[in-house]
C-alpha atoms as a PDB file:
ATOM      1  CA  MET A   1     100.248 101.694 109.688  1.00  0.00           C
ATOM      2  CA  CYS A   2     100.687 105.252 109.866  1.00  0.00           C
ATOM      3  CA  LYS A   3      99.323 108.037 107.484  1.00  0.00           C
ATOM      4  CA  GLY A   4     101.138 111.526 106.276  1.00  0.00           C
ATOM      5  CA  ARG A   5     103.958 113.387 107.603  1.00  0.00           C
ATOM      6  CA  GLY A   6     102.434 113.320 111.113  1.00  0.00           C
ATOM      7  CA  HIS A   7     102.107 109.529 111.049  1.00  0.00           C
ATOM      8  CA  VAL A   8      98.514 109.559 112.086  1.00  0.00           C
ATOM      9  CA  VAL A   9      98.062 105.830 113.307  1.00  0.00           C
ATOM     10  CA  VAL A  10      95.180 104.142 110.600  1.00  0.00           C
ATOM     11  CA  TYR A  11      95.632 100.496 111.565  1.00  0.00           C
ATOM     12  CA  GLY A  12      97.221  98.629 114.559  1.00  0.00           C
ATOM     13  CA  ASN A  13      97.067  94.823 114.806  1.00  0.00           C
ATOM     14  CA  PRO A  14      96.068  93.209 118.019  1.00  0.00           C
ATOM     15  CA  ALA A  15      99.652  93.026 119.438  1.00  0.00           C
ATOM     16  CA  MET A  16     100.173  96.746 118.707  1.00  0.00           C
ATOM     17  CA  VAL A  17      96.717  97.396 120.555  1.00  0.00           C
ATOM     18  CA  SER A  18      97.840  95.309 123.421  1.00  0.00           C
ATOM     19  CA  ARG A  19     100.898  97.109 123.874  1.00  0.00           C
ATOM     20  CA  PHE A  20      99.775 100.878 123.379  1.00  0.00           C
ATOM     21  CA  GLY A  21      96.038 100.856 123.451  1.00  0.00           C
ATOM     22  CA  VAL A  22      93.653 101.812 120.960  1.00  0.00           C
ATOM     23  CA  CYS A  23      95.543 104.719 118.935  1.00  0.00           C
ATOM     24  CA  VAL A  24      93.755 104.724 115.663  1.00  0.00           C
ATOM     25  CA  GLY A  25      93.318 108.437 114.364  1.00  0.00           C
ATOM     26  CA  MET A  26      96.036 109.655 116.599  1.00  0.00           C
ATOM     27  CA  PRO A  27      99.613 110.869 115.743  1.00  0.00           C
ATOM     28  CA  ALA A  28     102.114 108.127 116.530  1.00  0.00           C
ATOM     29  CA  ARG A  29     104.248 110.548 118.791  1.00  0.00           C
ATOM     30  CA  GLU A  30     101.005 110.974 120.841  1.00  0.00           C
ATOM     31  CA  ALA A  31     100.041 107.345 120.846  1.00  0.00           C
ATOM     32  CA  MET A  32     103.167 105.734 121.408  1.00  0.00           C
ATOM     33  CA  PRO A  33     105.244 108.095 123.661  1.00  0.00           C
ATOM     34  CA  ASP A  34     107.152 105.054 124.958  1.00  0.00           C
ATOM     35  CA  LEU A  35     108.786 104.951 121.361  1.00  0.00           C
ATOM     36  CA  PRO A  36     112.411 106.368 121.416  1.00  0.00           C
ATOM     37  CA  ARG A  37     113.133 109.530 119.305  1.00  0.00           C
ATOM     38  CA  GLU A  38     114.978 107.092 117.031  1.00  0.00           C
ATOM     39  CA  ALA A  39     111.661 105.422 115.805  1.00  0.00           C
ATOM     40  CA  PHE A  40     110.265 108.401 115.075  1.00  0.00           C
ATOM     41  CA  ASP A  41     113.562 109.351 113.009  1.00  0.00           C
ATOM     42  CA  LEU A  42     113.224 106.151 111.235  1.00  0.00           C
ATOM     43  CA  LEU A  43     109.375 106.838 110.232  1.00  0.00           C
ATOM     44  CA  ASP A  44     110.265 110.255 108.901  1.00  0.00           C
ATOM     45  CA  ALA A  45     113.049 108.963 107.025  1.00  0.00           C
ATOM     46  CA  VAL A  46     111.148 106.373 105.126  1.00  0.00           C
ATOM     47  CA  PHE A  47     108.301 108.649 104.183  1.00  0.00           C
ATOM     48  CA  VAL A  48     110.771 111.129 103.099  1.00  0.00           C
ATOM     49  CA  ARG A  49     112.967 108.831 100.996  1.00  0.00           C
ATOM     50  CA  ALA A  50     110.336 106.350  99.932  1.00  0.00           C
ATOM     51  CA  LYS A  51     112.464 103.485 100.675  1.00  0.00           C
ATOM     52  CA  PRO A  52     112.487 100.771 103.384  1.00  0.00           C
ATOM     53  CA  LEU A  53     114.740 101.175 106.587  1.00  0.00           C
ATOM     54  CA  ALA A  54     115.353  99.354 109.762  1.00  0.00           C
ATOM     55  CA  ARG A  55     117.198 100.078 112.904  1.00  0.00           C
ATOM     56  CA  TRP A  56     117.395  98.480 116.405  1.00  0.00           C
ATOM     57  CA  ILE A  57     115.785 100.641 119.344  1.00  0.00           C
ATOM     58  CA  ARG A  58     115.383 100.276 123.059  1.00  0.00           C
ATOM     59  CA  LEU A  59     112.110 100.130 124.381  1.00  0.00           C
ATOM     60  CA  ASP A  60     111.111  98.985 128.008  1.00  0.00           C
ATOM     61  CA  GLY A  61     115.000  98.178 128.451  1.00  0.00           C
ATOM     62  CA  GLU A  62     115.070  95.591 125.670  1.00  0.00           C
ATOM     63  CA  ARG A  63     116.454  95.779 122.242  1.00  0.00           C
ATOM     64  CA  TRP A  64     113.931  95.661 119.394  1.00  0.00           C
ATOM     65  CA  ARG A  65     114.288  95.666 115.510  1.00  0.00           C
ATOM     66  CA  MET A  66     111.752  98.248 113.809  1.00  0.00           C
ATOM     67  CA  THR A  67     111.429  97.805 110.078  1.00  0.00           C
ATOM     68  CA  ALA A  68     109.468 100.634 108.146  1.00  0.00           C
ATOM     69  CA  VAL A  69     108.191 100.419 104.575  1.00  0.00           C
ATOM     70  CA  PRO A  70     106.830 103.199 102.347  1.00  0.00           C
ATOM     71  CA  ARG A  71     102.992 103.022 101.416  1.00  0.00           C
ATOM     72  CA  VAL A  72     103.243 103.932  97.971  1.00  0.00           C
ATOM     73  CA  ASP A  73     100.066 105.259  95.739  1.00  0.00           C
ATOM     74  CA  ALA A  74      99.976 103.095  92.634  1.00  0.00           C
ATOM     75  CA  GLY A  75      98.415 105.903  90.886  1.00  0.00           C
ATOM     76  CA  ASP A  76     100.834 108.804  91.295  1.00  0.00           C
ATOM     77  CA  GLY A  77     103.604 107.118  93.115  1.00  0.00           C
ATOM     78  CA  GLU A  78     103.621 109.429  96.048  1.00  0.00           C
ATOM     79  CA  VAL A  79     104.263 108.092  99.622  1.00  0.00           C
ATOM     80  CA  TYR A  80     101.295 108.379 101.768  1.00  0.00           C
ATOM     81  CA  GLY A  81     101.843 106.638 104.769  1.00  0.00           C
ATOM     82  CA  VAL A  82     104.630 104.367 106.378  1.00  0.00           C
ATOM     83  CA  SER A  83     104.168 100.699 107.624  1.00  0.00           C
ATOM     84  CA  PHE A  84     106.230  99.362 110.611  1.00  0.00           C
ATOM     85  CA  HIS A  85     106.697  96.243 112.603  1.00  0.00           C
ATOM     86  CA  LEU A  86     108.512  95.868 115.930  1.00  0.00           C
ATOM     87  CA  GLN A  87     110.050  92.659 117.103  1.00  0.00           C
ATOM     88  CA  SER A  88     111.909  92.199 120.468  1.00  0.00           C
ATOM     89  CA  ALA A  89     115.677  90.614 120.053  1.00  0.00           C
ATOM     90  CA  SER A  90     114.607  87.840 122.374  1.00  0.00           C
ATOM     91  CA  ASP A  91     111.713  86.867 120.163  1.00  0.00           C
ATOM     92  CA  MET A  92     113.992  86.955 117.065  1.00  0.00           C
ATOM     93  CA  ALA A  93     116.233  84.783 118.782  1.00  0.00           C
ATOM     94  CA  ARG A  94     113.796  82.255 119.759  1.00  0.00           C
ATOM     95  CA  ALA A  95     112.390  82.092 116.222  1.00  0.00           C
ATOM     96  CA  ALA A  96     115.912  81.568 114.831  1.00  0.00           C
ATOM     97  CA  ALA A  97     116.471  78.719 117.332  1.00  0.00           C
ATOM     98  CA  GLU A  98     113.167  77.133 116.374  1.00  0.00           C
ATOM     99  CA  ALA A  99     114.078  77.356 112.856  1.00  0.00           C
ATOM    100  CA  ASP A 100     117.585  76.040 113.244  1.00  0.00           C
ATOM    101  CA  ALA A 101     116.183  73.180 115.349  1.00  0.00           C
ATOM    102  CA  SER A 102     113.418  72.504 112.530  1.00  0.00           C
ATOM    103  CA  ASP A 103     116.238  72.357 109.773  1.00  0.00           C
ATOM    104  CA  ALA A 104     118.237  69.846 111.771  1.00  0.00           C
ATOM    105  CA  GLY A 105     115.178  67.824 112.149  1.00  0.00           C
ATOM    106  CA  GLU A 106     114.421  67.726 108.469  1.00  0.00           C
ATOM    107  CA  GLY A 107     118.140  67.187 107.632  1.00  0.00           C
ATOM    108  CA  SER A 108     118.270  64.271 109.930  1.00  0.00           C
ATOM    109  CA  ALA A 109     115.164  62.693 108.539  1.00  0.00           C
ATOM    110  CA  ALA A 110     116.573  63.189 105.300  1.00  0.00           C
ATOM    111  CA  GLY A 111     119.665  60.946 106.054  1.00  0.00           C
ATOM    112  CA  SER A 112     117.680  58.020 107.452  1.00  0.00           C
END
């Protein structure tokens, strides 16, 4: 989760900390220099437009899906930050295959 136009990191889950290190309190552009410019373009657009967006980016030679949503103050409706999530294409494919296998197993059990 990032706060403000400078996208200061205010929270990082264990996976983020594992990948980028402890970066709370740092601007995202400094804390995560491996992210391509397009990732920060996405964060900027979500902050300005106040609408969720997603795009594919390249990180370490791999395709990643980056999704971002605005954090909106309930009192005044102003965007104060952006939450984002990164998931590798290979993880997405694996999860989809597992879901398909699970659905196939449920379907065959129902037909018994």
